[in-house]
């Protein structure tokens, strides 16, 4: 999935957040927290488990997305910053 995102975005960095949803259905879990964390570490992105039904970490998901977008934007600005001017 990360490769698909990278291919679509090209050289521009894209903010990525890995979210495990339906935390309220823990008895039907198919991916462990450890597996999610390991994948997030491999992708170098945050990982959050959430449940919209029980309102668990929903606000945290959106806050983290905004933080990631701001960090990506800052990286892009720094990359385009030039410290000298030709006249």
N, C-alpha and C. Protein backbone atom coordinates (compact mmCIF):
# COMPACT_ATOMS: atom_id res chain seq x y z
N UNK A 1 0.82 -1.18 0.00
CA UNK A 1 0.00 0.00 0.00
C UNK A 1 0.87 1.25 0.00
N UNK A 2 1.92 1.24 0.81
CA UNK A 2 2.81 2.41 0.86
C UNK A 2 3.44 2.64 -0.51
N UNK A 3 3.79 1.58 -1.22
CA UNK A 3 4.37 1.72 -2.56
C UNK A 3 3.39 2.36 -3.52
N UNK A 4 2.13 2.00 -3.41
CA UNK A 4 1.10 2.59 -4.27
C UNK A 4 1.00 4.09 -4.00
N UNK A 5 0.99 4.46 -2.73
CA UNK A 5 0.91 5.88 -2.37
C UNK A 5 2.14 6.61 -2.90
N UNK A 6 3.31 6.04 -2.72
CA UNK A 6 4.54 6.67 -3.21
C UNK A 6 4.52 6.83 -4.72
N UNK A 7 4.01 5.83 -5.40
CA UNK A 7 3.96 5.89 -6.86
C UNK A 7 3.00 6.99 -7.33
N UNK A 8 1.88 7.13 -6.65
CA UNK A 8 0.89 8.15 -7.02
C UNK A 8 1.41 9.55 -6.69
N UNK A 9 2.01 9.71 -5.53
CA UNK A 9 2.48 11.02 -5.09
C UNK A 9 3.79 11.41 -5.75
N UNK A 10 4.51 10.46 -6.29
CA UNK A 10 5.79 10.77 -6.92
C UNK A 10 6.82 11.14 -5.87
N UNK A 11 7.58 12.19 -6.15
CA UNK A 11 8.65 12.59 -5.24
C UNK A 11 8.14 13.43 -4.08
N UNK A 12 6.89 13.87 -4.14
CA UNK A 12 6.35 14.67 -3.05
C UNK A 12 6.03 13.77 -1.86
N UNK A 13 6.48 14.17 -0.66
CA UNK A 13 6.16 13.35 0.51
C UNK A 13 4.67 13.40 0.82
N UNK A 14 4.11 12.28 1.21
CA UNK A 14 2.69 12.20 1.54
C UNK A 14 2.53 11.79 3.00
N UNK A 15 1.69 12.49 3.73
CA UNK A 15 1.47 12.08 5.12
C UNK A 15 0.69 10.77 5.16
N UNK A 16 1.15 9.85 5.99
CA UNK A 16 0.49 8.55 6.10
C UNK A 16 0.24 8.26 7.58
N UNK A 17 -0.94 7.76 7.87
CA UNK A 17 -1.32 7.36 9.22
C UNK A 17 -2.00 6.00 9.09
N UNK A 18 -1.50 5.02 9.81
CA UNK A 18 -2.10 3.68 9.79
C UNK A 18 -3.11 3.58 10.93
N UNK A 19 -4.38 3.35 10.58
CA UNK A 19 -5.45 3.29 11.58
C UNK A 19 -6.10 1.91 11.55
N UNK A 20 -6.15 1.28 12.71
CA UNK A 20 -6.88 0.03 12.87
C UNK A 20 -8.25 0.40 13.41
N UNK A 21 -9.29 0.15 12.62
CA UNK A 21 -10.63 0.55 13.05
C UNK A 21 -11.37 -0.62 13.70
N UNK A 22 -12.55 -0.33 14.18
CA UNK A 22 -13.43 -1.32 14.83
C UNK A 22 -12.78 -1.93 16.06
N UNK A 23 -12.13 -1.10 16.84
CA UNK A 23 -11.49 -1.55 18.08
C UNK A 23 -12.53 -2.16 19.02
N UNK A 24 -13.79 -1.76 18.88
CA UNK A 24 -14.86 -2.28 19.72
C UNK A 24 -15.15 -3.76 19.45
N UNK A 25 -14.70 -4.27 18.31
CA UNK A 25 -14.91 -5.69 17.97
C UNK A 25 -13.65 -6.50 18.24
N UNK A 26 -13.10 -6.33 19.43
CA UNK A 26 -11.83 -6.96 19.79
C UNK A 26 -11.88 -8.48 19.66
N UNK A 27 -13.02 -9.09 19.93
CA UNK A 27 -13.12 -10.56 19.85
C UNK A 27 -13.04 -11.06 18.41
N UNK A 28 -13.23 -10.17 17.43
CA UNK A 28 -13.14 -10.55 16.02
C UNK A 28 -11.87 -10.02 15.36
N UNK A 29 -10.92 -9.65 16.17
CA UNK A 29 -9.67 -9.06 15.69
C UNK A 29 -8.95 -9.99 14.73
N UNK A 30 -8.46 -9.42 13.63
CA UNK A 30 -7.70 -10.20 12.64
C UNK A 30 -6.23 -9.80 12.61
N UNK A 31 -5.93 -8.59 13.10
CA UNK A 31 -4.55 -8.09 13.13
C UNK A 31 -4.24 -7.65 14.55
N UNK A 32 -3.16 -8.14 15.10
CA UNK A 32 -2.80 -7.78 16.47
C UNK A 32 -2.23 -6.36 16.53
N UNK A 33 -2.24 -5.81 17.73
CA UNK A 33 -1.65 -4.49 17.94
C UNK A 33 -0.17 -4.52 17.57
N UNK A 34 0.49 -5.61 17.92
CA UNK A 34 1.92 -5.73 17.60
C UNK A 34 2.16 -5.73 16.09
N UNK A 35 1.30 -6.42 15.34
CA UNK A 35 1.44 -6.44 13.88
C UNK A 35 1.21 -5.04 13.29
N UNK A 36 0.21 -4.34 13.80
CA UNK A 36 -0.05 -2.97 13.34
C UNK A 36 1.10 -2.05 13.65
N UNK A 37 1.62 -2.15 14.85
CA UNK A 37 2.77 -1.33 15.25
C UNK A 37 4.00 -1.63 14.40
N UNK A 38 4.22 -2.91 14.13
CA UNK A 38 5.37 -3.29 13.31
C UNK A 38 5.25 -2.74 11.89
N UNK A 39 4.06 -2.81 11.32
CA UNK A 39 3.85 -2.28 9.98
C UNK A 39 4.03 -0.76 9.96
N UNK A 40 3.51 -0.09 10.98
CA UNK A 40 3.66 1.36 11.07
C UNK A 40 5.13 1.74 11.20
N UNK A 41 5.88 0.96 11.96
CA UNK A 41 7.32 1.22 12.09
C UNK A 41 8.02 1.01 10.75
N UNK A 42 7.64 -0.04 10.04
CA UNK A 42 8.21 -0.32 8.72
C UNK A 42 7.90 0.82 7.75
N UNK A 43 6.68 1.36 7.81
CA UNK A 43 6.26 2.45 6.93
C UNK A 43 6.70 3.82 7.45
N UNK A 44 7.26 3.85 8.66
CA UNK A 44 7.68 5.11 9.30
C UNK A 44 6.49 6.07 9.43
N UNK A 45 5.42 5.57 10.03
CA UNK A 45 4.23 6.40 10.22
C UNK A 45 3.59 6.06 11.57
N UNK A 46 2.76 6.95 12.08
CA UNK A 46 2.05 6.67 13.33
C UNK A 46 1.02 5.56 13.15
N UNK A 47 0.69 4.90 14.26
CA UNK A 47 -0.32 3.84 14.27
C UNK A 47 -1.30 4.11 15.40
N UNK A 48 -2.59 4.07 15.09
CA UNK A 48 -3.62 4.30 16.10
C UNK A 48 -4.72 3.25 15.93
N UNK A 49 -5.17 2.70 17.04
CA UNK A 49 -6.33 1.84 17.03
C UNK A 49 -7.53 2.69 17.44
N UNK A 50 -8.64 2.55 16.73
CA UNK A 50 -9.79 3.42 16.98
C UNK A 50 -11.11 2.67 16.83
N UNK A 51 -12.14 3.28 17.40
CA UNK A 51 -13.51 2.79 17.25
C UNK A 51 -14.43 4.00 17.11
N UNK A 52 -15.05 4.14 15.96
CA UNK A 52 -16.01 5.23 15.78
C UNK A 52 -17.25 4.97 16.63
N UNK A 53 -17.66 3.72 16.72
CA UNK A 53 -18.86 3.35 17.48
C UNK A 53 -18.72 3.76 18.95
N UNK A 54 -17.59 3.44 19.55
CA UNK A 54 -17.36 3.74 20.96
C UNK A 54 -16.63 5.07 21.16
N UNK A 55 -16.38 5.77 20.08
CA UNK A 55 -15.70 7.08 20.11
C UNK A 55 -14.33 6.99 20.81
N UNK A 56 -13.59 5.97 20.44
CA UNK A 56 -12.25 5.78 21.00
C UNK A 56 -11.22 6.24 19.97
N UNK A 57 -10.41 7.20 20.34
CA UNK A 57 -9.30 7.72 19.54
C UNK A 57 -9.71 8.37 18.22
N UNK A 58 -10.99 8.68 18.03
CA UNK A 58 -11.42 9.31 16.79
C UNK A 58 -10.80 10.70 16.66
N UNK A 59 -10.87 11.49 17.73
CA UNK A 59 -10.26 12.82 17.69
C UNK A 59 -8.75 12.73 17.51
N UNK A 60 -8.14 11.73 18.13
CA UNK A 60 -6.70 11.54 18.01
C UNK A 60 -6.30 11.24 16.57
N UNK A 61 -7.12 10.48 15.86
CA UNK A 61 -6.84 10.18 14.45
C UNK A 61 -6.78 11.47 13.65
N UNK A 62 -7.79 12.32 13.81
CA UNK A 62 -7.82 13.56 13.04
C UNK A 62 -6.70 14.51 13.45
N UNK A 63 -6.42 14.60 14.75
CA UNK A 63 -5.33 15.45 15.22
C UNK A 63 -3.99 14.97 14.67
N UNK A 64 -3.80 13.67 14.64
CA UNK A 64 -2.54 13.11 14.12
C UNK A 64 -2.41 13.35 12.62
N UNK A 65 -3.51 13.22 11.89
CA UNK A 65 -3.47 13.49 10.44
C UNK A 65 -3.05 14.93 10.19
N UNK A 66 -3.62 15.86 10.95
CA UNK A 66 -3.27 17.28 10.78
C UNK A 66 -1.80 17.50 11.11
N UNK A 67 -1.32 16.89 12.20
CA UNK A 67 0.10 17.01 12.56
C UNK A 67 1.00 16.47 11.46
N UNK A 68 0.64 15.30 10.93
CA UNK A 68 1.43 14.70 9.85
C UNK A 68 1.42 15.59 8.60
N UNK A 69 0.28 16.17 8.29
CA UNK A 69 0.19 17.07 7.12
C UNK A 69 1.07 18.29 7.33
N UNK A 70 1.06 18.85 8.54
CA UNK A 70 1.90 20.01 8.83
C UNK A 70 3.38 19.66 8.74
N UNK A 71 3.75 18.50 9.27
CA UNK A 71 5.16 18.09 9.20
C UNK A 71 5.59 17.89 7.76
N UNK A 72 4.73 17.28 6.95
CA UNK A 72 5.04 17.06 5.54
C UNK A 72 5.18 18.39 4.82
N UNK A 73 4.31 19.32 5.13
CA UNK A 73 4.36 20.65 4.52
C UNK A 73 5.64 21.38 4.91
N UNK A 74 6.03 21.27 6.18
CA UNK A 74 7.27 21.90 6.64
C UNK A 74 8.48 21.31 5.93
N UNK A 75 8.49 19.99 5.75
CA UNK A 75 9.61 19.34 5.05
C UNK A 75 9.70 19.85 3.61
N UNK A 76 8.54 20.00 2.98
CA UNK A 76 8.50 20.47 1.60
C UNK A 76 9.01 21.91 1.51
N UNK A 77 8.63 22.75 2.48
CA UNK A 77 9.07 24.14 2.48
C UNK A 77 10.57 24.23 2.70
N UNK A 78 11.10 23.44 3.63
CA UNK A 78 12.53 23.45 3.89
C UNK A 78 13.31 22.99 2.66
N UNK A 79 12.76 22.01 1.96
CA UNK A 79 13.42 21.48 0.77
C UNK A 79 13.51 22.54 -0.33
N UNK A 80 12.48 23.36 -0.45
CA UNK A 80 12.44 24.39 -1.48
C UNK A 80 13.10 25.69 -1.05
N UNK A 81 13.53 25.77 0.19
CA UNK A 81 14.13 26.99 0.71
C UNK A 81 15.54 27.15 0.16
N UNK A 82 15.84 28.35 -0.28
CA UNK A 82 17.18 28.65 -0.79
C UNK A 82 17.77 29.77 0.05
N UNK A 83 19.00 29.61 0.45
CA UNK A 83 19.59 30.60 1.35
C UNK A 83 20.36 31.69 0.62
N UNK A 84 20.38 31.69 -0.67
CA UNK A 84 21.09 32.74 -1.40
C UNK A 84 20.20 33.28 -2.51
N UNK A 85 20.47 34.51 -2.90
CA UNK A 85 19.69 35.15 -3.94
C UNK A 85 20.63 35.69 -5.00
N UNK A 86 20.31 35.44 -6.25
CA UNK A 86 21.10 35.98 -7.35
C UNK A 86 20.41 37.22 -7.87
N UNK A 87 21.18 38.29 -8.01
CA UNK A 87 20.62 39.54 -8.53
C UNK A 87 21.18 39.83 -9.90
